[in-house]
Amino acid sequence: MFNKIYTFVFSALLLVSPAITHAENFDYRFNVRLGPAKIGEMEVSGRNEGGSYSTTAHLFTTGVVGAIYDVSYEYRTEGKVGARGVLLPTHHVSTNIEKRKTTQLEIRYSGDRVVGVLYTPERDVPATATGYKRTVDPMTLIYFLLRPASPAQTCAGAVELFDGQSRIKVAFTNVERSANGQIECDISYAGEKGGGIALSSLVFVPDSNGLMRIKEFAAETNIGTLAIKVR
């Protein structure tokens, strides 16, 4: 069950158009709650060197949940910043440790094209995956979502994500911009395998420089409200 919950948490972050205009670093810590209960924490860091970027994330169970169901996800991506601030990933690695069992996904890119997908332990990869163009990995989208952005760039655009199995079309819906500068929107995606998930209550607030930063987001699931909030 918790494996599905944590997949849902990360899905909620993969929802933005991959281009940047501000070369800023960031560090976030989030509390993750299912209903009233805290089930984990998430740490995310991003770095921008001007011509390149990198980002890492660590998602893990805590407290009573962690004591009975120890799960840890680690993600990292490196890439280049191309013309007009377009993010071009070069190498993505995700590692999941659950019940002392480790699984890993590695995606490699050349230019804007996927050139390699490797699972450990080995699993099938769609024959069309190698050769996908103009898709980005999960952590590139994490980076773009959490970097400081102008109001006009927030909850705007669409993108195609490659998660190691499917090519997924991502978009924003129901954008609301408040007089106090806060921006809320819903986000959705639909993949090659059909279907989709609608995630809600994504909230951004302006900082002292007028740039938007993530505050919290939530999603309704069949086991309760999943809420992720900046600490």
C-alpha atoms as a PDB file:
ATOM      1  CA  MET A   1       0.000   0.000   0.000  1.00  0.00           C
ATOM      2  CA  PHE A   2       2.676   2.491   0.943  1.00  0.00           C
ATOM      3  CA  ASN A   3       4.553   1.818  -2.282  1.00  0.00           C
ATOM      4  CA  LYS A   4       1.466   3.078  -4.137  1.00  0.00           C
ATOM      5  CA  ILE A   5       1.213   6.089  -1.822  1.00  0.00           C
ATOM      6  CA  TYR A   6       4.790   7.155  -2.448  1.00  0.00           C
ATOM      7  CA  THR A   7       4.423   6.673  -6.182  1.00  0.00           C
ATOM      8  CA  PHE A   8       1.409   8.975  -5.925  1.00  0.00           C
ATOM      9  CA  VAL A   9       3.445  11.567  -3.996  1.00  0.00           C
ATOM     10  CA  PHE A  10       6.076  11.767  -6.687  1.00  0.00           C
ATOM     11  CA  SER A  11       3.494  11.793  -9.453  1.00  0.00           C
ATOM     12  CA  ALA A  12       2.122  14.973  -7.901  1.00  0.00           C
ATOM     13  CA  LEU A  13       5.387  16.768  -8.553  1.00  0.00           C
ATOM     14  CA  LEU A  14       5.930  15.822 -12.177  1.00  0.00           C
ATOM     15  CA  LEU A  15       3.858  18.522 -13.750  1.00  0.00           C
ATOM     16  CA  VAL A  16       5.518  21.484 -15.436  1.00  0.00           C
ATOM     17  CA  SER A  17       6.951  22.881 -18.667  1.00  0.00           C
ATOM     18  CA  PRO A  18      10.745  22.378 -18.706  1.00  0.00           C
ATOM     19  CA  ALA A  19      12.353  25.797 -19.187  1.00  0.00           C
ATOM     20  CA  ILE A  20      13.918  28.240 -16.701  1.00  0.00           C
ATOM     21  CA  THR A  21      14.835  31.908 -16.560  1.00  0.00           C
ATOM     22  CA  HIS A  22      16.256  32.202 -13.030  1.00  0.00           C
ATOM     23  CA  ALA A  23      19.593  30.631 -12.074  1.00  0.00           C
ATOM     24  CA  GLU A  24      18.808  30.010  -8.409  1.00  0.00           C
ATOM     25  CA  ASN A  25      19.506  27.133  -6.053  1.00  0.00           C
ATOM     26  CA  PHE A  26      16.920  25.772  -3.648  1.00  0.00           C
ATOM     27  CA  ASP A  27      16.543  23.420  -0.693  1.00  0.00           C
ATOM     28  CA  TYR A  28      13.155  22.207   0.564  1.00  0.00           C
ATOM     29  CA  ARG A  29      11.881  19.888   3.261  1.00  0.00           C
ATOM     30  CA  PHE A  30       8.309  18.614   3.162  1.00  0.00           C
ATOM     31  CA  ASN A  31       6.063  16.798   5.606  1.00  0.00           C
ATOM     32  CA  VAL A  32       3.964  14.078   3.991  1.00  0.00           C
ATOM     33  CA  ARG A  33       0.573  13.313   5.583  1.00  0.00           C
ATOM     34  CA  LEU A  34      -2.194  10.873   4.843  1.00  0.00           C
ATOM     35  CA  GLY A  35      -5.276  12.369   6.482  1.00  0.00           C
ATOM     36  CA  PRO A  36      -4.232  13.509   9.983  1.00  0.00           C
ATOM     37  CA  ALA A  37      -1.256  11.126  10.192  1.00  0.00           C
ATOM     38  CA  LYS A  38       2.274  12.062   9.204  1.00  0.00           C
ATOM     39  CA  ILE A  39       3.698   9.176   7.187  1.00  0.00           C
ATOM     40  CA  GLY A  40       6.987  10.602   5.970  1.00  0.00           C
ATOM     41  CA  GLU A  41       9.253  13.439   4.894  1.00  0.00           C
ATOM     42  CA  MET A  42      10.803  14.561   1.640  1.00  0.00           C
ATOM     43  CA  GLU A  43      13.994  16.572   1.018  1.00  0.00           C
ATOM     44  CA  VAL A  44      14.718  18.167  -2.351  1.00  0.00           C
ATOM     45  CA  SER A  45      17.718  20.234  -3.476  1.00  0.00           C
ATOM     46  CA  GLY A  46      18.460  21.890  -6.802  1.00  0.00           C
ATOM     47  CA  ARG A  47      21.575  23.545  -8.186  1.00  0.00           C
ATOM     48  CA  ASN A  48      22.064  25.656 -11.309  1.00  0.00           C
ATOM     49  CA  GLU A  49      25.551  26.421 -12.627  1.00  0.00           C
ATOM     50  CA  GLY A  50      24.314  28.535 -15.547  1.00  0.00           C
ATOM     51  CA  GLY A  51      25.054  26.023 -18.282  1.00  0.00           C
ATOM     52  CA  SER A  52      24.072  22.951 -16.273  1.00  0.00           C
ATOM     53  CA  TYR A  53      21.715  21.898 -13.508  1.00  0.00           C
ATOM     54  CA  SER A  54      21.336  19.059 -11.014  1.00  0.00           C
ATOM     55  CA  THR A  55      18.731  18.027  -8.480  1.00  0.00           C
ATOM     56  CA  THR A  56      18.358  15.371  -5.801  1.00  0.00           C
ATOM     57  CA  ALA A  57      15.451  14.148  -3.704  1.00  0.00           C
ATOM     58  CA  HIS A  58      15.036  11.797  -0.773  1.00  0.00           C
ATOM     59  CA  LEU A  59      11.588  10.535   0.230  1.00  0.00           C
ATOM     60  CA  PHE A  60      11.237   8.298   3.300  1.00  0.00           C
ATOM     61  CA  THR A  61       8.785   7.024   5.881  1.00  0.00           C
ATOM     62  CA  THR A  62       9.014   8.288   9.479  1.00  0.00           C
ATOM     63  CA  GLY A  63       7.576   7.674  12.944  1.00  0.00           C
ATOM     64  CA  VAL A  64       5.248   4.725  13.503  1.00  0.00           C
ATOM     65  CA  VAL A  65       4.877   4.171   9.746  1.00  0.00           C
ATOM     66  CA  GLY A  66       8.641   4.092   9.318  1.00  0.00           C
ATOM     67  CA  ALA A  67       8.993   1.617  12.178  1.00  0.00           C
ATOM     68  CA  ILE A  68       6.644  -0.901  10.576  1.00  0.00           C
ATOM     69  CA  TYR A  69       7.148  -0.106   6.894  1.00  0.00           C
ATOM     70  CA  ASP A  70      10.601   1.282   6.131  1.00  0.00           C
ATOM     71  CA  VAL A  71      10.633   2.734   2.603  1.00  0.00           C
ATOM     72  CA  SER A  72      13.158   5.077   1.031  1.00  0.00           C
ATOM     73  CA  TYR A  73      13.289   6.657  -2.433  1.00  0.00           C
ATOM     74  CA  GLU A  74      16.336   8.509  -3.731  1.00  0.00           C
ATOM     75  CA  TYR A  75      16.406  10.419  -7.012  1.00  0.00           C
ATOM     76  CA  ARG A  76      19.061  12.427  -8.825  1.00  0.00           C
ATOM     77  CA  THR A  77      19.380  14.040 -12.234  1.00  0.00           C
ATOM     78  CA  GLU A  78      22.032  15.994 -14.083  1.00  0.00           C
ATOM     79  CA  GLY A  79      21.485  18.000 -17.248  1.00  0.00           C
ATOM     80  CA  LYS A  80      22.301  20.981 -19.399  1.00  0.00           C
ATOM     81  CA  VAL A  81      20.542  24.321 -19.746  1.00  0.00           C
ATOM     82  CA  GLY A  82      19.995  24.913 -23.443  1.00  0.00           C
ATOM     83  CA  ALA A  83      18.817  27.839 -25.547  1.00  0.00           C
ATOM     84  CA  ARG A  84      16.032  29.938 -23.992  1.00  0.00           C
ATOM     85  CA  GLY A  85      16.515  28.117 -20.701  1.00  0.00           C
ATOM     86  CA  VAL A  86      15.258  24.728 -21.917  1.00  0.00           C
ATOM     87  CA  LEU A  87      16.281  21.917 -19.575  1.00  0.00           C
ATOM     88  CA  LEU A  88      17.968  18.957 -21.293  1.00  0.00           C
ATOM     89  CA  PRO A  89      18.559  15.996 -18.946  1.00  0.00           C
ATOM     90  CA  THR A  90      21.642  13.870 -19.506  1.00  0.00           C
ATOM     91  CA  HIS A  91      21.455  11.276 -16.702  1.00  0.00           C
ATOM     92  CA  HIS A  92      18.695  10.242 -14.276  1.00  0.00           C
ATOM     93  CA  VAL A  93      18.870   7.620 -11.506  1.00  0.00           C
ATOM     94  CA  SER A  94      16.112   6.589  -9.099  1.00  0.00           C
ATOM     95  CA  THR A  95      16.614   4.080  -6.288  1.00  0.00           C
ATOM     96  CA  ASN A  96      13.878   2.479  -4.185  1.00  0.00           C
ATOM     97  CA  ILE A  97      14.675   0.561  -1.004  1.00  0.00           C
ATOM     98  CA  GLU A  98      11.722  -1.365   0.417  1.00  0.00           C
ATOM     99  CA  LYS A  99      11.929  -4.230   2.910  1.00  0.00           C
ATOM    100  CA  ARG A 100      15.700  -4.376   2.287  1.00  0.00           C
ATOM    101  CA  LYS A 101      15.085  -4.906  -1.421  1.00  0.00           C
ATOM    102  CA  THR A 102      16.664  -2.370  -3.773  1.00  0.00           C
ATOM    103  CA  THR A 103      15.407  -1.549  -7.243  1.00  0.00           C
ATOM    104  CA  GLN A 104      16.923   1.043  -9.552  1.00  0.00           C
ATOM    105  CA  LEU A 105      16.105   2.872 -12.782  1.00  0.00           C
ATOM    106  CA  GLU A 106      18.691   4.658 -14.909  1.00  0.00           C
ATOM    107  CA  ILE A 107      17.813   6.807 -17.936  1.00  0.00           C
ATOM    108  CA  ARG A 108      20.445   8.320 -20.230  1.00  0.00           C
ATOM    109  CA  TYR A 109      19.929  11.076 -22.788  1.00  0.00           C
ATOM    110  CA  SER A 110      21.853  12.549 -25.693  1.00  0.00           C
ATOM    111  CA  GLY A 111      20.642  15.958 -26.795  1.00  0.00           C
ATOM    112  CA  ASP A 112      16.866  15.763 -26.508  1.00  0.00           C
ATOM    113  CA  ARG A 113      16.695  12.010 -27.094  1.00  0.00           C
ATOM    114  CA  VAL A 114      16.508   8.982 -24.757  1.00  0.00           C
ATOM    115  CA  VAL A 115      19.444   6.706 -25.588  1.00  0.00           C
ATOM    116  CA  GLY A 116      19.342   4.155 -22.759  1.00  0.00           C
ATOM    117  CA  VAL A 117      17.014   2.732 -20.104  1.00  0.00           C
ATOM    118  CA  LEU A 118      18.311   0.239 -17.525  1.00  0.00           C
ATOM    119  CA  TYR A 119      16.429  -1.425 -14.670  1.00  0.00           C
ATOM    120  CA  THR A 120      18.084  -3.325 -11.820  1.00  0.00           C
ATOM    121  CA  PRO A 121      16.784  -6.012 -11.356  1.00  0.00           C
ATOM    122  CA  GLU A 122      16.199  -6.240 -15.101  1.00  0.00           C
ATOM    123  CA  ARG A 123      12.721  -5.679 -16.479  1.00  0.00           C
ATOM    124  CA  ASP A 124      11.212  -5.118 -19.897  1.00  0.00           C
ATOM    125  CA  VAL A 125      11.394  -1.651 -21.451  1.00  0.00           C
ATOM    126  CA  PRO A 126       9.103  -0.594 -24.320  1.00  0.00           C
ATOM    127  CA  ALA A 127      10.875  -1.002 -27.657  1.00  0.00           C
ATOM    128  CA  THR A 128       9.980   2.587 -28.563  1.00  0.00           C
ATOM    129  CA  ALA A 129      11.577   4.091 -25.428  1.00  0.00           C
ATOM    130  CA  THR A 130      15.073   4.458 -26.849  1.00  0.00           C
ATOM    131  CA  GLY A 131      14.669   7.212 -29.373  1.00  0.00           C
ATOM    132  CA  TYR A 132      11.973   9.234 -27.600  1.00  0.00           C
ATOM    133  CA  LYS A 133      12.565  12.921 -28.319  1.00  0.00           C
ATOM    134  CA  ARG A 134      11.688  16.027 -26.321  1.00  0.00           C
ATOM    135  CA  THR A 135      10.772  14.157 -23.150  1.00  0.00           C
ATOM    136  CA  VAL A 136      12.187  14.790 -19.696  1.00  0.00           C
ATOM    137  CA  ASP A 137      12.802  12.609 -16.668  1.00  0.00           C
ATOM    138  CA  PRO A 138      10.957  12.899 -13.333  1.00  0.00           C
ATOM    139  CA  MET A 139      13.663  14.863 -11.508  1.00  0.00           C
ATOM    140  CA  THR A 140      14.009  17.452 -14.269  1.00  0.00           C
ATOM    141  CA  LEU A 141      10.345  18.194 -13.721  1.00  0.00           C
ATOM    142  CA  ILE A 142      10.916  18.281  -9.971  1.00  0.00           C
ATOM    143  CA  TYR A 143      13.646  20.849 -10.552  1.00  0.00           C
ATOM    144  CA  PHE A 144      11.463  23.002 -12.754  1.00  0.00           C
ATOM    145  CA  LEU A 145       8.493  22.879 -10.404  1.00  0.00           C
ATOM    146  CA  LEU A 146      10.452  23.861  -7.299  1.00  0.00           C
ATOM    147  CA  ARG A 147      12.723  26.539  -8.746  1.00  0.00           C
ATOM    148  CA  PRO A 148      11.687  30.173  -8.139  1.00  0.00           C
ATOM    149  CA  ALA A 149       9.463  31.279 -11.046  1.00  0.00           C
ATOM    150  CA  SER A 150       7.598  34.360 -12.173  1.00  0.00           C
ATOM    151  CA  PRO A 151       3.792  34.363 -11.752  1.00  0.00           C
ATOM    152  CA  ALA A 152       3.377  34.101 -15.534  1.00  0.00           C
ATOM    153  CA  GLN A 153       5.445  30.885 -15.606  1.00  0.00           C
ATOM    154  CA  THR A 154       3.560  29.262 -12.729  1.00  0.00           C
ATOM    155  CA  CYS A 155       0.796  26.753 -13.527  1.00  0.00           C
ATOM    156  CA  ALA A 156       1.428  27.355 -17.228  1.00  0.00           C
ATOM    157  CA  GLY A 157       2.491  25.199 -20.163  1.00  0.00           C
ATOM    158  CA  ALA A 158       2.557  21.467 -20.823  1.00  0.00           C
ATOM    159  CA  VAL A 159       5.238  18.822 -21.199  1.00  0.00           C
ATOM    160  CA  GLU A 160       5.879  15.181 -22.056  1.00  0.00           C
ATOM    161  CA  LEU A 161       7.457  13.073 -19.339  1.00  0.00           C
ATOM    162  CA  PHE A 162       9.223   9.726 -19.752  1.00  0.00           C
ATOM    163  CA  ASP A 163       9.159   7.739 -16.490  1.00  0.00           C
ATOM    164  CA  GLY A 164      11.096   4.706 -17.714  1.00  0.00           C
ATOM    165  CA  GLN A 165       8.019   2.941 -19.067  1.00  0.00           C
ATOM    166  CA  SER A 166       5.506   5.397 -20.488  1.00  0.00           C
ATOM    167  CA  ARG A 167       5.472   8.680 -22.324  1.00  0.00           C
ATOM    168  CA  ILE A 168       3.072  10.891 -20.365  1.00  0.00           C
ATOM    169  CA  LYS A 169       1.350  14.114 -21.411  1.00  0.00           C
ATOM    170  CA  VAL A 170       1.130  16.578 -18.522  1.00  0.00           C
ATOM    171  CA  ALA A 171      -0.976  19.747 -18.234  1.00  0.00           C
ATOM    172  CA  PHE A 172      -2.369  22.291 -15.752  1.00  0.00           C
ATOM    173  CA  THR A 173      -6.080  22.922 -15.232  1.00  0.00           C
ATOM    174  CA  ASN A 174      -8.352  25.197 -13.161  1.00  0.00           C
ATOM    175  CA  VAL A 175      -5.746  27.897 -12.553  1.00  0.00           C
ATOM    176  CA  GLU A 176      -6.744  30.478  -9.922  1.00  0.00           C
ATOM    177  CA  ARG A 177      -4.696  33.641  -9.262  1.00  0.00           C
ATOM    178  CA  SER A 178      -5.565  35.511  -6.047  1.00  0.00           C
ATOM    179  CA  ALA A 179      -5.202  39.218  -5.317  1.00  0.00           C
ATOM    180  CA  ASN A 180      -2.610  38.433  -2.618  1.00  0.00           C
ATOM    181  CA  GLY A 181      -0.372  36.803  -5.245  1.00  0.00           C
ATOM    182  CA  GLN A 182      -1.137  33.199  -4.371  1.00  0.00           C
ATOM    183  CA  ILE A 183      -1.630  30.816  -7.300  1.00  0.00           C
ATOM    184  CA  GLU A 184      -3.518  27.520  -7.166  1.00  0.00           C
ATOM    185  CA  CYS A 185      -4.115  24.982  -9.900  1.00  0.00           C
ATOM    186  CA  ASP A 186      -4.953  21.372 -10.618  1.00  0.00           C
ATOM    187  CA  ILE A 187      -2.617  19.162 -12.602  1.00  0.00           C
ATOM    188  CA  SER A 188      -3.274  16.062 -14.656  1.00  0.00           C
ATOM    189  CA  TYR A 189      -1.481  13.595 -16.872  1.00  0.00           C
ATOM    190  CA  ALA A 190      -2.414  10.887 -19.336  1.00  0.00           C
ATOM    191  CA  GLY A 191      -0.020   8.166 -20.474  1.00  0.00           C
ATOM    192  CA  GLU A 192       0.388   5.735 -23.315  1.00  0.00           C
ATOM    193  CA  LYS A 193      -1.275   2.994 -21.289  1.00  0.00           C
ATOM    194  CA  GLY A 194      -4.446   5.052 -21.017  1.00  0.00           C
ATOM    195  CA  GLY A 195      -6.182   6.653 -18.085  1.00  0.00           C
ATOM    196  CA  GLY A 196      -4.796   9.409 -15.942  1.00  0.00           C
ATOM    197  CA  ILE A 197      -4.778  10.882 -12.458  1.00  0.00           C
ATOM    198  CA  ALA A 198      -6.105  14.306 -11.491  1.00  0.00           C
ATOM    199  CA  LEU A 199      -4.145  15.884  -8.644  1.00  0.00           C
ATOM    200  CA  SER A 200      -5.426  18.978  -6.841  1.00  0.00           C
ATOM    201  CA  SER A 201      -4.634  21.875  -4.505  1.00  0.00           C
ATOM    202  CA  LEU A 202      -1.204  22.771  -5.809  1.00  0.00           C
ATOM    203  CA  VAL A 203      -0.433  26.071  -4.080  1.00  0.00           C
ATOM    204  CA  PHE A 204       2.320  28.633  -4.801  1.00  0.00           C
ATOM    205  CA  VAL A 205       3.052  31.839  -2.878  1.00  0.00           C
ATOM    206  CA  PRO A 206       5.300  34.802  -3.792  1.00  0.00           C
ATOM    207  CA  ASP A 207       8.593  35.369  -1.973  1.00  0.00           C
ATOM    208  CA  SER A 208      10.130  38.766  -1.135  1.00  0.00           C
ATOM    209  CA  ASN A 209      11.371  39.084  -4.729  1.00  0.00           C
ATOM    210  CA  GLY A 210       7.955  38.375  -6.242  1.00  0.00           C
ATOM    211  CA  LEU A 211       8.965  34.894  -7.437  1.00  0.00           C
ATOM    212  CA  MET A 212       6.575  32.021  -6.850  1.00  0.00           C
ATOM    213  CA  ARG A 213       7.546  29.147  -4.578  1.00  0.00           C
ATOM    214  CA  ILE A 214       5.719  25.927  -3.792  1.00  0.00           C
ATOM    215  CA  LYS A 215       3.813  25.958  -0.501  1.00  0.00           C
ATOM    216  CA  GLU A 216       1.791  22.754  -0.519  1.00  0.00           C
ATOM    217  CA  PHE A 217      -0.172  20.327  -2.649  1.00  0.00           C
ATOM    218  CA  ALA A 218      -2.704  17.592  -2.051  1.00  0.00           C
ATOM    219  CA  ALA A 219      -4.512  14.761  -3.793  1.00  0.00           C
ATOM    220  CA  GLU A 220      -7.654  12.814  -3.031  1.00  0.00           C
ATOM    221  CA  THR A 221      -7.046   9.048  -2.977  1.00  0.00           C
ATOM    222  CA  ASN A 222      -9.272   6.088  -2.172  1.00  0.00           C
ATOM    223  CA  ILE A 223      -7.599   5.861   1.244  1.00  0.00           C
ATOM    224  CA  GLY A 224      -7.758   9.554   2.192  1.00  0.00           C
ATOM    225  CA  THR A 225      -6.279  12.969   1.475  1.00  0.00           C
ATOM    226  CA  LEU A 226      -2.568  12.955   0.733  1.00  0.00           C
ATOM    227  CA  ALA A 227      -1.014  16.312   1.712  1.00  0.00           C
ATOM    228  CA  ILE A 228       2.587  17.470   1.146  1.00  0.00           C
ATOM    229  CA  LYS A 229       3.531  20.767   2.797  1.00  0.00           C
ATOM    230  CA  VAL A 230       6.756  22.754   3.063  1.00  0.00           C
ATOM    231  CA  ARG A 231       8.227  22.561   6.560  1.00  0.00           C
END
